Amino acid sequence: MSAVALVYTLFGSRDAAMRVARRLIEERLIACANLLGEATSLYEWNGVMEETAEVPVLFKTAPSRREALMARIAELHDYEVPAILALPVEAADSGFARWVGEQLAK
């Protein structure tokens, strides 16, 4: 098992993604967040086909904080049913894993 865990979600705006990412860093639930380029999401919601611009985000944390992170994202998220997914990490560079641990321990 890796010493790093990844959690993925999408936000409706870059501002919302930045607000949540900053809060999670302040709360020491993540070491960092990668806000990826705008994506177009297609899905059916309440019987209507939706096409929405969203901002995908990858959060990096320790495996021991993954569940708490996912719960906190759900609390802070402005979507009714956000997609919050834990992604498998088979291995992580030892220096990076150490940095993640140090950031969460501050």
C-alpha atoms as a PDB file:
ATOM      1  CA  MET A   1       0.000   0.000   0.000  1.00  0.00           C
ATOM      2  CA  SER A   2       1.179   3.506  -0.818  1.00  0.00           C
ATOM      3  CA  ALA A   3       1.808   6.211   1.779  1.00  0.00           C
ATOM      4  CA  VAL A   4      -0.258   8.607  -0.360  1.00  0.00           C
ATOM      5  CA  ALA A   5      -3.978   8.564  -1.105  1.00  0.00           C
ATOM      6  CA  LEU A   6      -5.747  10.414  -3.933  1.00  0.00           C
ATOM      7  CA  VAL A   7      -9.314  11.683  -3.783  1.00  0.00           C
ATOM      8  CA  TYR A   8     -11.013  13.043  -6.894  1.00  0.00           C
ATOM      9  CA  THR A   9     -14.037  15.284  -7.232  1.00  0.00           C
ATOM     10  CA  LEU A  10     -15.483  17.969  -9.499  1.00  0.00           C
ATOM     11  CA  PHE A  11     -16.668  21.479  -8.704  1.00  0.00           C
ATOM     12  CA  GLY A  12     -18.957  23.808 -10.621  1.00  0.00           C
ATOM     13  CA  SER A  13     -16.404  26.623 -10.624  1.00  0.00           C
ATOM     14  CA  ARG A  14     -12.728  27.293 -10.081  1.00  0.00           C
ATOM     15  CA  ASP A  15     -13.649  29.608  -7.189  1.00  0.00           C
ATOM     16  CA  ALA A  16     -15.539  26.818  -5.392  1.00  0.00           C
ATOM     17  CA  ALA A  17     -12.648  24.401  -5.961  1.00  0.00           C
ATOM     18  CA  MET A  18     -10.102  26.911  -4.613  1.00  0.00           C
ATOM     19  CA  ARG A  19     -12.257  27.731  -1.580  1.00  0.00           C
ATOM     20  CA  VAL A  20     -12.579  24.066  -0.599  1.00  0.00           C
ATOM     21  CA  ALA A  21      -8.932  23.243  -1.372  1.00  0.00           C
ATOM     22  CA  ARG A  22      -7.666  26.106   0.787  1.00  0.00           C
ATOM     23  CA  ARG A  23      -9.923  25.049   3.655  1.00  0.00           C
ATOM     24  CA  LEU A  24      -8.746  21.426   3.447  1.00  0.00           C
ATOM     25  CA  ILE A  25      -5.094  22.510   3.514  1.00  0.00           C
ATOM     26  CA  GLU A  26      -5.776  24.744   6.534  1.00  0.00           C
ATOM     27  CA  GLU A  27      -7.507  21.824   8.276  1.00  0.00           C
ATOM     28  CA  ARG A  28      -4.539  19.546   7.449  1.00  0.00           C
ATOM     29  CA  LEU A  29      -6.730  17.023   5.640  1.00  0.00           C
ATOM     30  CA  ILE A  30      -4.710  17.393   2.425  1.00  0.00           C
ATOM     31  CA  ALA A  31      -1.136  18.233   1.551  1.00  0.00           C
ATOM     32  CA  CYS A  32      -2.091  19.715  -1.793  1.00  0.00           C
ATOM     33  CA  ALA A  33      -4.747  19.923  -4.477  1.00  0.00           C
ATOM     34  CA  ASN A  34      -4.404  19.868  -8.242  1.00  0.00           C
ATOM     35  CA  LEU A  35      -7.107  21.871  -9.992  1.00  0.00           C
ATOM     36  CA  LEU A  36      -7.220  20.492 -13.495  1.00  0.00           C
ATOM     37  CA  GLY A  37      -8.449  22.261 -16.627  1.00  0.00           C
ATOM     38  CA  GLU A  38     -12.152  22.806 -17.145  1.00  0.00           C
ATOM     39  CA  ALA A  39     -13.986  19.678 -18.236  1.00  0.00           C
ATOM     40  CA  THR A  40     -17.386  19.178 -19.836  1.00  0.00           C
ATOM     41  CA  SER A  41     -19.554  16.692 -17.980  1.00  0.00           C
ATOM     42  CA  LEU A  42     -22.586  14.995 -19.542  1.00  0.00           C
ATOM     43  CA  TYR A  43     -25.085  13.287 -17.273  1.00  0.00           C
ATOM     44  CA  GLU A  44     -28.780  12.843 -16.620  1.00  0.00           C
ATOM     45  CA  TRP A  45     -30.144  14.606 -13.525  1.00  0.00           C
ATOM     46  CA  ASN A  46     -33.812  14.470 -12.531  1.00  0.00           C
ATOM     47  CA  GLY A  47     -34.735  13.142 -15.963  1.00  0.00           C
ATOM     48  CA  VAL A  48     -32.941  15.919 -17.856  1.00  0.00           C
ATOM     49  CA  MET A  49     -29.764  15.535 -19.918  1.00  0.00           C
ATOM     50  CA  GLU A  50     -27.231  18.032 -18.549  1.00  0.00           C
ATOM     51  CA  GLU A  51     -24.046  19.406 -20.100  1.00  0.00           C
ATOM     52  CA  THR A  52     -22.008  21.269 -17.495  1.00  0.00           C
ATOM     53  CA  ALA A  53     -18.572  22.866 -17.269  1.00  0.00           C
ATOM     54  CA  GLU A  54     -16.784  21.558 -14.175  1.00  0.00           C
ATOM     55  CA  VAL A  55     -13.350  21.762 -12.575  1.00  0.00           C
ATOM     56  CA  PRO A  56     -11.821  18.366 -11.703  1.00  0.00           C
ATOM     57  CA  VAL A  57      -9.638  18.315  -8.580  1.00  0.00           C
ATOM     58  CA  LEU A  58      -7.180  15.725  -7.245  1.00  0.00           C
ATOM     59  CA  PHE A  59      -6.537  15.928  -3.514  1.00  0.00           C
ATOM     60  CA  LYS A  60      -3.399  14.320  -2.048  1.00  0.00           C
ATOM     61  CA  THR A  61      -3.513  13.027   1.502  1.00  0.00           C
ATOM     62  CA  ALA A  62      -2.383  10.165   3.732  1.00  0.00           C
ATOM     63  CA  PRO A  63      -4.358   6.909   3.593  1.00  0.00           C
ATOM     64  CA  SER A  64      -5.231   7.364   7.288  1.00  0.00           C
ATOM     65  CA  ARG A  65      -7.016  10.639   6.462  1.00  0.00           C
ATOM     66  CA  ARG A  66      -8.814   9.520   3.306  1.00  0.00           C
ATOM     67  CA  GLU A  67     -12.199   8.755   4.880  1.00  0.00           C
ATOM     68  CA  ALA A  68     -12.217  11.972   6.932  1.00  0.00           C
ATOM     69  CA  LEU A  69     -11.246  13.912   3.807  1.00  0.00           C
ATOM     70  CA  MET A  70     -14.063  12.397   1.772  1.00  0.00           C
ATOM     71  CA  ALA A  71     -16.585  13.212   4.506  1.00  0.00           C
ATOM     72  CA  ARG A  72     -15.327  16.792   4.792  1.00  0.00           C
ATOM     73  CA  ILE A  73     -15.465  17.332   1.021  1.00  0.00           C
ATOM     74  CA  ALA A  74     -19.094  16.198   1.122  1.00  0.00           C
ATOM     75  CA  GLU A  75     -19.808  18.735   3.903  1.00  0.00           C
ATOM     76  CA  LEU A  76     -18.121  21.621   2.079  1.00  0.00           C
ATOM     77  CA  HIS A  77     -19.308  20.791  -1.440  1.00  0.00           C
ATOM     78  CA  ASP A  78     -22.104  22.835  -2.972  1.00  0.00           C
ATOM     79  CA  TYR A  79     -23.449  19.933  -5.061  1.00  0.00           C
ATOM     80  CA  GLU A  80     -26.390  17.933  -3.764  1.00  0.00           C
ATOM     81  CA  VAL A  81     -24.687  14.655  -4.733  1.00  0.00           C
ATOM     82  CA  PRO A  82     -20.997  15.259  -5.474  1.00  0.00           C
ATOM     83  CA  ALA A  83     -18.853  12.553  -7.034  1.00  0.00           C
ATOM     84  CA  ILE A  84     -16.140  11.959  -4.421  1.00  0.00           C
ATOM     85  CA  LEU A  85     -13.907   9.085  -5.428  1.00  0.00           C
ATOM     86  CA  ALA A  86     -10.861   7.512  -3.792  1.00  0.00           C
ATOM     87  CA  LEU A  87      -8.373   6.522  -6.471  1.00  0.00           C
ATOM     88  CA  PRO A  88      -5.923   3.659  -5.965  1.00  0.00           C
ATOM     89  CA  VAL A  89      -2.253   4.569  -5.570  1.00  0.00           C
ATOM     90  CA  GLU A  90       0.014   1.562  -5.909  1.00  0.00           C
ATOM     91  CA  ALA A  91       3.224   3.408  -5.119  1.00  0.00           C
ATOM     92  CA  ALA A  92       4.515   6.900  -4.420  1.00  0.00           C
ATOM     93  CA  ASP A  93       7.964   8.424  -4.527  1.00  0.00           C
ATOM     94  CA  SER A  94       9.355   8.203  -0.998  1.00  0.00           C
ATOM     95  CA  GLY A  95      10.364  11.869  -0.912  1.00  0.00           C
ATOM     96  CA  PHE A  96       6.910  12.981  -2.007  1.00  0.00           C
ATOM     97  CA  ALA A  97       5.214  10.639   0.451  1.00  0.00           C
ATOM     98  CA  ARG A  98       7.391  12.042   3.248  1.00  0.00           C
ATOM     99  CA  TRP A  99       6.449  15.613   2.220  1.00  0.00           C
ATOM    100  CA  VAL A 100       2.727  14.721   2.280  1.00  0.00           C
ATOM    101  CA  GLY A 101       3.120  13.294   5.777  1.00  0.00           C
ATOM    102  CA  GLU A 102       5.025  16.378   6.954  1.00  0.00           C
ATOM    103  CA  GLN A 103       2.351  18.741   5.602  1.00  0.00           C
ATOM    104  CA  LEU A 104      -0.413  16.884   7.402  1.00  0.00           C
ATOM    105  CA  ALA A 105       1.535  16.810  10.692  1.00  0.00           C
ATOM    106  CA  LYS A 106       2.012  20.577  10.981  1.00  0.00           C
END
